[in-house]
Amino acid sequence: MVQRVSDEDADLLRHFKSLGVMPGTAIEFVYQEPFEGPLVLRIGGKLVRITPQAAREVFVDPALAAEAQQ
């Protein structure tokens, strides 16, 4: 579950919004592409890719995701 995203970069924040990476959103890590490539996430029914650099600006709470599933 996304707890918060960094708001220091307005362009990155808009990019996250376009992908659906927003606080309160459940995301699932699927895999990382080879050679430090993008991370592939499942958000709702779609797969999205974000760079490792961008992923460092997304803060998640696995406990919130577990609670949401119950």
PDB file of N, CA and C in Angstrom:
ATOM      1  N   MET A   1       0.850  -1.166   0.000  1.00  0.00           N
ATOM      2  CA  MET A   1       0.000   0.000   0.000  1.00  0.00           C
ATOM      3  C   MET A   1       0.903   1.239   0.000  1.00  0.00           C
ATOM      4  N   VAL A   2       0.615   2.153  -0.904  1.00  0.00           N
ATOM      5  CA  VAL A   2       1.390   3.392  -0.956  1.00  0.00           C
ATOM      6  C   VAL A   2       1.001   4.250   0.241  1.00  0.00           C
ATOM      7  N   GLN A   3       1.998   4.581   1.044  1.00  0.00           N
ATOM      8  CA  GLN A   3       1.761   5.431   2.202  1.00  0.00           C
ATOM      9  C   GLN A   3       1.900   6.897   1.812  1.00  0.00           C
ATOM     10  N   ARG A   4       2.970   7.196   1.078  1.00  0.00           N
ATOM     11  CA  ARG A   4       3.165   8.559   0.591  1.00  0.00           C
ATOM     12  C   ARG A   4       4.139   8.537  -0.567  1.00  0.00           C
ATOM     13  N   VAL A   5       4.137   9.609  -1.337  1.00  0.00           N
ATOM     14  CA  VAL A   5       5.110   9.806  -2.403  1.00  0.00           C
ATOM     15  C   VAL A   5       5.771  11.162  -2.182  1.00  0.00           C
ATOM     16  N   SER A   6       7.013  11.266  -2.565  1.00  0.00           N
ATOM     17  CA  SER A   6       7.737  12.516  -2.419  1.00  0.00           C
ATOM     18  C   SER A   6       7.069  13.584  -3.277  1.00  0.00           C
ATOM     19  N   ASP A   7       6.956  14.772  -2.721  1.00  0.00           N
ATOM     20  CA  ASP A   7       6.350  15.865  -3.487  1.00  0.00           C
ATOM     21  C   ASP A   7       7.384  16.942  -3.832  1.00  0.00           C
ATOM     22  N   GLU A   8       8.658  16.577  -3.781  1.00  0.00           N
ATOM     23  CA  GLU A   8       9.723  17.537  -4.062  1.00  0.00           C
ATOM     24  C   GLU A   8       9.869  17.852  -5.550  1.00  0.00           C
ATOM     25  N   ASP A   9       9.417  16.968  -6.417  1.00  0.00           N
ATOM     26  CA  ASP A   9       9.545  17.152  -7.865  1.00  0.00           C
ATOM     27  C   ASP A   9       8.143  17.106  -8.475  1.00  0.00           C
ATOM     28  N   ALA A  10       7.658  18.263  -8.926  1.00  0.00           N
ATOM     29  CA  ALA A  10       6.297  18.349  -9.456  1.00  0.00           C
ATOM     30  C   ALA A  10       6.100  17.455 -10.678  1.00  0.00           C
ATOM     31  N   ASP A  11       7.110  17.368 -11.545  1.00  0.00           N
ATOM     32  CA  ASP A  11       6.978  16.520 -12.737  1.00  0.00           C
ATOM     33  C   ASP A  11       6.861  15.052 -12.348  1.00  0.00           C
ATOM     34  N   LEU A  12       7.651  14.622 -11.383  1.00  0.00           N
ATOM     35  CA  LEU A  12       7.577  13.241 -10.931  1.00  0.00           C
ATOM     36  C   LEU A  12       6.236  12.965 -10.265  1.00  0.00           C
ATOM     37  N   LEU A  13       5.746  13.914  -9.504  1.00  0.00           N
ATOM     38  CA  LEU A  13       4.444  13.755  -8.860  1.00  0.00           C
ATOM     39  C   LEU A  13       3.337  13.596  -9.906  1.00  0.00           C
ATOM     40  N   ARG A  14       3.390  14.380 -10.966  1.00  0.00           N
ATOM     41  CA  ARG A  14       2.397  14.244 -12.056  1.00  0.00           C
ATOM     42  C   ARG A  14       2.529  12.885 -12.733  1.00  0.00           C
ATOM     43  N   HIS A  15       3.772  12.421 -12.901  1.00  0.00           N
ATOM     44  CA  HIS A  15       4.004  11.107 -13.514  1.00  0.00           C
ATOM     45  C   HIS A  15       3.395   9.999 -12.647  1.00  0.00           C
ATOM     46  N   PHE A  16       3.643  10.061 -11.346  1.00  0.00           N
ATOM     47  CA  PHE A  16       3.054   9.080 -10.439  1.00  0.00           C
ATOM     48  C   PHE A  16       1.532   9.096 -10.547  1.00  0.00           C
ATOM     49  N   LYS A  17       0.958  10.289 -10.585  1.00  0.00           N
ATOM     50  CA  LYS A  17      -0.505  10.398 -10.680  1.00  0.00           C
ATOM     51  C   LYS A  17      -1.008   9.746 -11.961  1.00  0.00           C
ATOM     52  N   SER A  18      -0.305   9.957 -13.072  1.00  0.00           N
ATOM     53  CA  SER A  18      -0.738   9.371 -14.349  1.00  0.00           C
ATOM     54  C   SER A  18      -0.673   7.846 -14.329  1.00  0.00           C
ATOM     55  N   LEU A  19       0.241   7.300 -13.509  1.00  0.00           N
ATOM     56  CA  LEU A  19       0.373   5.845 -13.393  1.00  0.00           C
ATOM     57  C   LEU A  19      -0.558   5.252 -12.347  1.00  0.00           C
ATOM     58  N   GLY A  20      -1.119   6.115 -11.490  1.00  0.00           N
ATOM     59  CA  GLY A  20      -1.972   5.620 -10.408  1.00  0.00           C
ATOM     60  C   GLY A  20      -1.214   5.342  -9.132  1.00  0.00           C
ATOM     61  N   VAL A  21       0.029   5.807  -9.041  1.00  0.00           N
ATOM     62  CA  VAL A  21       0.834   5.615  -7.837  1.00  0.00           C
ATOM     63  C   VAL A  21       0.524   6.772  -6.897  1.00  0.00           C
ATOM     64  N   MET A  22      -0.475   6.567  -6.051  1.00  0.00           N
ATOM     65  CA  MET A  22      -0.963   7.617  -5.159  1.00  0.00           C
ATOM     66  C   MET A  22      -1.116   7.051  -3.752  1.00  0.00           C
ATOM     67  N   PRO A  23      -1.014   7.917  -2.744  1.00  0.00           N
ATOM     68  CA  PRO A  23      -1.244   7.440  -1.373  1.00  0.00           C
ATOM     69  C   PRO A  23      -2.582   6.723  -1.255  1.00  0.00           C
ATOM     70  N   GLY A  24      -2.562   5.612  -0.543  1.00  0.00           N
ATOM     71  CA  GLY A  24      -3.770   4.818  -0.357  1.00  0.00           C
ATOM     72  C   GLY A  24      -4.010   3.775  -1.432  1.00  0.00           C
ATOM     73  N   THR A  25      -3.157   3.736  -2.437  1.00  0.00           N
ATOM     74  CA  THR A  25      -3.311   2.786  -3.537  1.00  0.00           C
ATOM     75  C   THR A  25      -2.544   1.500  -3.240  1.00  0.00           C
ATOM     76  N   ALA A  26      -3.195   0.378  -3.458  1.00  0.00           N
ATOM     77  CA  ALA A  26      -2.521  -0.917  -3.324  1.00  0.00           C
ATOM     78  C   ALA A  26      -1.711  -1.165  -4.589  1.00  0.00           C
ATOM     79  N   ILE A  27      -0.441  -1.505  -4.407  1.00  0.00           N
ATOM     80  CA  ILE A  27       0.416  -1.850  -5.542  1.00  0.00           C
ATOM     81  C   ILE A  27       1.071  -3.191  -5.242  1.00  0.00           C
ATOM     82  N   GLU A  28       1.387  -3.897  -6.307  1.00  0.00           N
ATOM     83  CA  GLU A  28       2.064  -5.186  -6.157  1.00  0.00           C
ATOM     84  C   GLU A  28       3.335  -5.156  -6.995  1.00  0.00           C
ATOM     85  N   PHE A  29       4.465  -5.451  -6.355  1.00  0.00           N
ATOM     86  CA  PHE A  29       5.715  -5.586  -7.079  1.00  0.00           C
ATOM     87  C   PHE A  29       5.658  -6.897  -7.844  1.00  0.00           C
ATOM     88  N   VAL A  30       5.889  -6.849  -9.157  1.00  0.00           N
ATOM     89  CA  VAL A  30       5.843  -8.051  -9.986  1.00  0.00           C
ATOM     90  C   VAL A  30       7.271  -8.552 -10.247  1.00  0.00           C
ATOM     91  N   TYR A  31       8.121  -7.699 -10.791  1.00  0.00           N
ATOM     92  CA  TYR A  31       9.520  -8.049 -11.019  1.00  0.00           C
ATOM     93  C   TYR A  31      10.294  -6.802 -11.417  1.00  0.00           C
ATOM     94  N   GLN A  32      11.618  -6.942 -11.439  1.00  0.00           N
ATOM     95  CA  GLN A  32      12.468  -5.877 -11.945  1.00  0.00           C
ATOM     96  C   GLN A  32      13.125  -6.375 -13.214  1.00  0.00           C
ATOM     97  N   GLU A  33      13.114  -5.539 -14.239  1.00  0.00           N
ATOM     98  CA  GLU A  33      13.746  -5.918 -15.491  1.00  0.00           C
ATOM     99  C   GLU A  33      15.258  -6.010 -15.287  1.00  0.00           C
ATOM    100  N   PRO A  34      15.932  -6.809 -16.108  1.00  0.00           N
ATOM    101  CA  PRO A  34      17.372  -7.055 -15.921  1.00  0.00           C
ATOM    102  C   PRO A  34      18.228  -5.788 -15.987  1.00  0.00           C
ATOM    103  N   PHE A  35      19.406  -5.912 -15.399  1.00  0.00           N
ATOM    104  CA  PHE A  35      20.434  -4.873 -15.454  1.00  0.00           C
ATOM    105  C   PHE A  35      19.956  -3.553 -14.854  1.00  0.00           C
ATOM    106  N   GLU A  36      19.354  -3.662 -13.669  1.00  0.00           N
ATOM    107  CA  GLU A  36      18.863  -2.501 -12.929  1.00  0.00           C
ATOM    108  C   GLU A  36      17.811  -1.716 -13.714  1.00  0.00           C
ATOM    109  N   GLY A  37      17.018  -2.444 -14.479  1.00  0.00           N
ATOM    110  CA  GLY A  37      15.977  -1.826 -15.288  1.00  0.00           C
ATOM    111  C   GLY A  37      14.777  -1.429 -14.454  1.00  0.00           C
ATOM    112  N   PRO A  38      13.707  -1.030 -15.122  1.00  0.00           N
ATOM    113  CA  PRO A  38      12.504  -0.582 -14.426  1.00  0.00           C
ATOM    114  C   PRO A  38      11.888  -1.677 -13.560  1.00  0.00           C
ATOM    115  N   LEU A  39      11.200  -1.229 -12.533  1.00  0.00           N
ATOM    116  CA  LEU A  39      10.400  -2.129 -11.706  1.00  0.00           C
ATOM    117  C   LEU A  39       9.018  -2.215 -12.339  1.00  0.00           C
ATOM    118  N   VAL A  40       8.492  -3.405 -12.421  1.00  0.00           N
ATOM    119  CA  VAL A  40       7.160  -3.618 -12.963  1.00  0.00           C
ATOM    120  C   VAL A  40       6.217  -3.823 -11.781  1.00  0.00           C
ATOM    121  N   LEU A  41       5.184  -2.990 -11.728  1.00  0.00           N
ATOM    122  CA  LEU A  41       4.202  -3.033 -10.646  1.00  0.00           C
ATOM    123  C   LEU A  41       2.828  -3.316 -11.209  1.00  0.00           C
ATOM    124  N   ARG A  42       1.991  -3.951 -10.421  1.00  0.00           N
ATOM    125  CA  ARG A  42       0.586  -4.138 -10.791  1.00  0.00           C
ATOM    126  C   ARG A  42      -0.224  -3.162  -9.953  1.00  0.00           C
ATOM    127  N   ILE A  43      -0.966  -2.325 -10.631  1.00  0.00           N
ATOM    128  CA  ILE A  43      -1.849  -1.370  -9.974  1.00  0.00           C
ATOM    129  C   ILE A  43      -3.227  -1.587 -10.572  1.00  0.00           C
ATOM    130  N   GLY A  44      -4.129  -2.068  -9.736  1.00  0.00           N
ATOM    131  CA  GLY A  44      -5.428  -2.458 -10.274  1.00  0.00           C
ATOM    132  C   GLY A  44      -5.196  -3.617 -11.227  1.00  0.00           C
ATOM    133  N   GLY A  45      -5.692  -3.511 -12.422  1.00  0.00           N
ATOM    134  CA  GLY A  45      -5.519  -4.584 -13.388  1.00  0.00           C
ATOM    135  C   GLY A  45      -4.439  -4.322 -14.412  1.00  0.00           C
ATOM    136  N   LYS A  46      -3.646  -3.267 -14.216  1.00  0.00           N
ATOM    137  CA  LYS A  46      -2.645  -2.964 -15.238  1.00  0.00           C
ATOM    138  C   LYS A  46      -1.234  -3.023 -14.678  1.00  0.00           C
ATOM    139  N   LEU A  47      -0.295  -3.303 -15.579  1.00  0.00           N
ATOM    140  CA  LEU A  47       1.120  -3.311 -15.226  1.00  0.00           C
ATOM    141  C   LEU A  47       1.711  -1.956 -15.597  1.00  0.00           C
ATOM    142  N   VAL A  48       2.498  -1.401 -14.694  1.00  0.00           N
ATOM    143  CA  VAL A  48       3.189  -0.142 -14.962  1.00  0.00           C
ATOM    144  C   VAL A  48       4.665  -0.335 -14.638  1.00  0.00           C
ATOM    145  N   ARG A  49       5.487   0.474 -15.264  1.00  0.00           N
ATOM    146  CA  ARG A  49       6.931   0.411 -15.045  1.00  0.00           C
ATOM    147  C   ARG A  49       7.402   1.749 -14.492  1.00  0.00           C
ATOM    148  N   ILE A  50       8.241   1.679 -13.462  1.00  0.00           N
ATOM    149  CA  ILE A  50       8.879   2.888 -12.962  1.00  0.00           C
ATOM    150  C   ILE A  50      10.361   2.595 -12.762  1.00  0.00           C
ATOM    151  N   THR A  51      11.154   3.614 -12.940  1.00  0.00           N
ATOM    152  CA  THR A  51      12.601   3.443 -12.786  1.00  0.00           C
ATOM    153  C   THR A  51      12.940   3.242 -11.313  1.00  0.00           C
ATOM    154  N   PRO A  52      14.069   2.592 -11.048  1.00  0.00           N
ATOM    155  CA  PRO A  52      14.497   2.454  -9.655  1.00  0.00           C
ATOM    156  C   PRO A  52      14.660   3.812  -8.971  1.00  0.00           C
ATOM    157  N   GLN A  53      15.127   4.807  -9.712  1.00  0.00           N
ATOM    158  CA  GLN A  53      15.289   6.153  -9.149  1.00  0.00           C
ATOM    159  C   GLN A  53      13.933   6.714  -8.709  1.00  0.00           C
ATOM    160  N   ALA A  54      12.914   6.568  -9.536  1.00  0.00           N
ATOM    161  CA  ALA A  54      11.580   7.048  -9.175  1.00  0.00           C
ATOM    162  C   ALA A  54      11.002   6.234  -8.021  1.00  0.00           C
ATOM    163  N   ALA A  55      11.272   4.931  -8.010  1.00  0.00           N
ATOM    164  CA  ALA A  55      10.730   4.064  -6.962  1.00  0.00           C
ATOM    165  C   ALA A  55      11.221   4.473  -5.577  1.00  0.00           C
ATOM    166  N   ARG A  56      12.416   5.053  -5.511  1.00  0.00           N
ATOM    167  CA  ARG A  56      12.940   5.504  -4.221  1.00  0.00           C
ATOM    168  C   ARG A  56      12.114   6.646  -3.628  1.00  0.00           C
ATOM    169  N   GLU A  57      11.256   7.241  -4.422  1.00  0.00           N
ATOM    170  CA  GLU A  57      10.415   8.349  -3.961  1.00  0.00           C
ATOM    171  C   GLU A  57       9.012   7.888  -3.562  1.00  0.00           C
ATOM    172  N   VAL A  58       8.791   6.570  -3.597  1.00  0.00           N
ATOM    173  CA  VAL A  58       7.499   5.983  -3.209  1.00  0.00           C
ATOM    174  C   VAL A  58       7.706   5.226  -1.904  1.00  0.00           C
ATOM    175  N   PHE A  59       6.907   5.568  -0.912  1.00  0.00           N
ATOM    176  CA  PHE A  59       7.034   4.953   0.405  1.00  0.00           C
ATOM    177  C   PHE A  59       5.813   4.077   0.639  1.00  0.00           C
ATOM    178  N   VAL A  60       6.064   2.802   0.917  1.00  0.00           N
ATOM    179  CA  VAL A  60       4.980   1.837   1.052  1.00  0.00           C
ATOM    180  C   VAL A  60       4.930   1.297   2.475  1.00  0.00           C
ATOM    181  N   ASP A  61       3.773   0.763   2.827  1.00  0.00           N
ATOM    182  CA  ASP A  61       3.580   0.126   4.123  1.00  0.00           C
ATOM    183  C   ASP A  61       2.931  -1.224   3.884  1.00  0.00           C
ATOM    184  N   PRO A  62       3.733  -2.303   3.925  1.00  0.00           N
ATOM    185  CA  PRO A  62       3.172  -3.640   3.689  1.00  0.00           C
ATOM    186  C   PRO A  62       2.069  -4.008   4.682  1.00  0.00           C
ATOM    187  N   ALA A  63       2.127  -3.491   5.906  1.00  0.00           N
ATOM    188  CA  ALA A  63       1.111  -3.804   6.913  1.00  0.00           C
ATOM    189  C   ALA A  63      -0.249  -3.253   6.484  1.00  0.00           C
ATOM    190  N   LEU A  64      -0.288  -2.086   5.879  1.00  0.00           N
ATOM    191  CA  LEU A  64      -1.550  -1.512   5.422  1.00  0.00           C
ATOM    192  C   LEU A  64      -2.171  -2.377   4.333  1.00  0.00           C
ATOM    193  N   ALA A  65      -1.346  -2.935   3.472  1.00  0.00           N
ATOM    194  CA  ALA A  65      -1.851  -3.811   2.413  1.00  0.00           C
ATOM    195  C   ALA A  65      -2.468  -5.069   3.015  1.00  0.00           C
ATOM    196  N   ALA A  66      -1.817  -5.630   4.026  1.00  0.00           N
ATOM    197  CA  ALA A  66      -2.337  -6.835   4.664  1.00  0.00           C
ATOM    198  C   ALA A  66      -3.683  -6.547   5.333  1.00  0.00           C
ATOM    199  N   GLU A  67      -3.804  -5.391   5.976  1.00  0.00           N
ATOM    200  CA  GLU A  67      -5.070  -5.017   6.618  1.00  0.00           C
ATOM    201  C   GLU A  67      -6.181  -4.825   5.582  1.00  0.00           C
ATOM    202  N   ALA A  68      -5.845  -4.248   4.440  1.00  0.00           N
ATOM    203  CA  ALA A  68      -6.835  -4.003   3.405  1.00  0.00           C
ATOM    204  C   ALA A  68      -7.386  -5.295   2.823  1.00  0.00           C
ATOM    205  N   GLN A  69      -6.581  -6.365   2.832  1.00  0.00           N
ATOM    206  CA  GLN A  69      -7.015  -7.634   2.279  1.00  0.00           C
ATOM    207  C   GLN A  69      -7.924  -8.388   3.220  1.00  0.00           C
ATOM    208  N   GLN A  70      -7.928  -8.035   4.496  1.00  0.00           N
ATOM    209  CA  GLN A  70      -8.732  -8.771   5.475  1.00  0.00           C
ATOM    210  C   GLN A  70     -10.152  -8.295   5.520  1.00  0.00           C
TER     211      GLN A  70
END
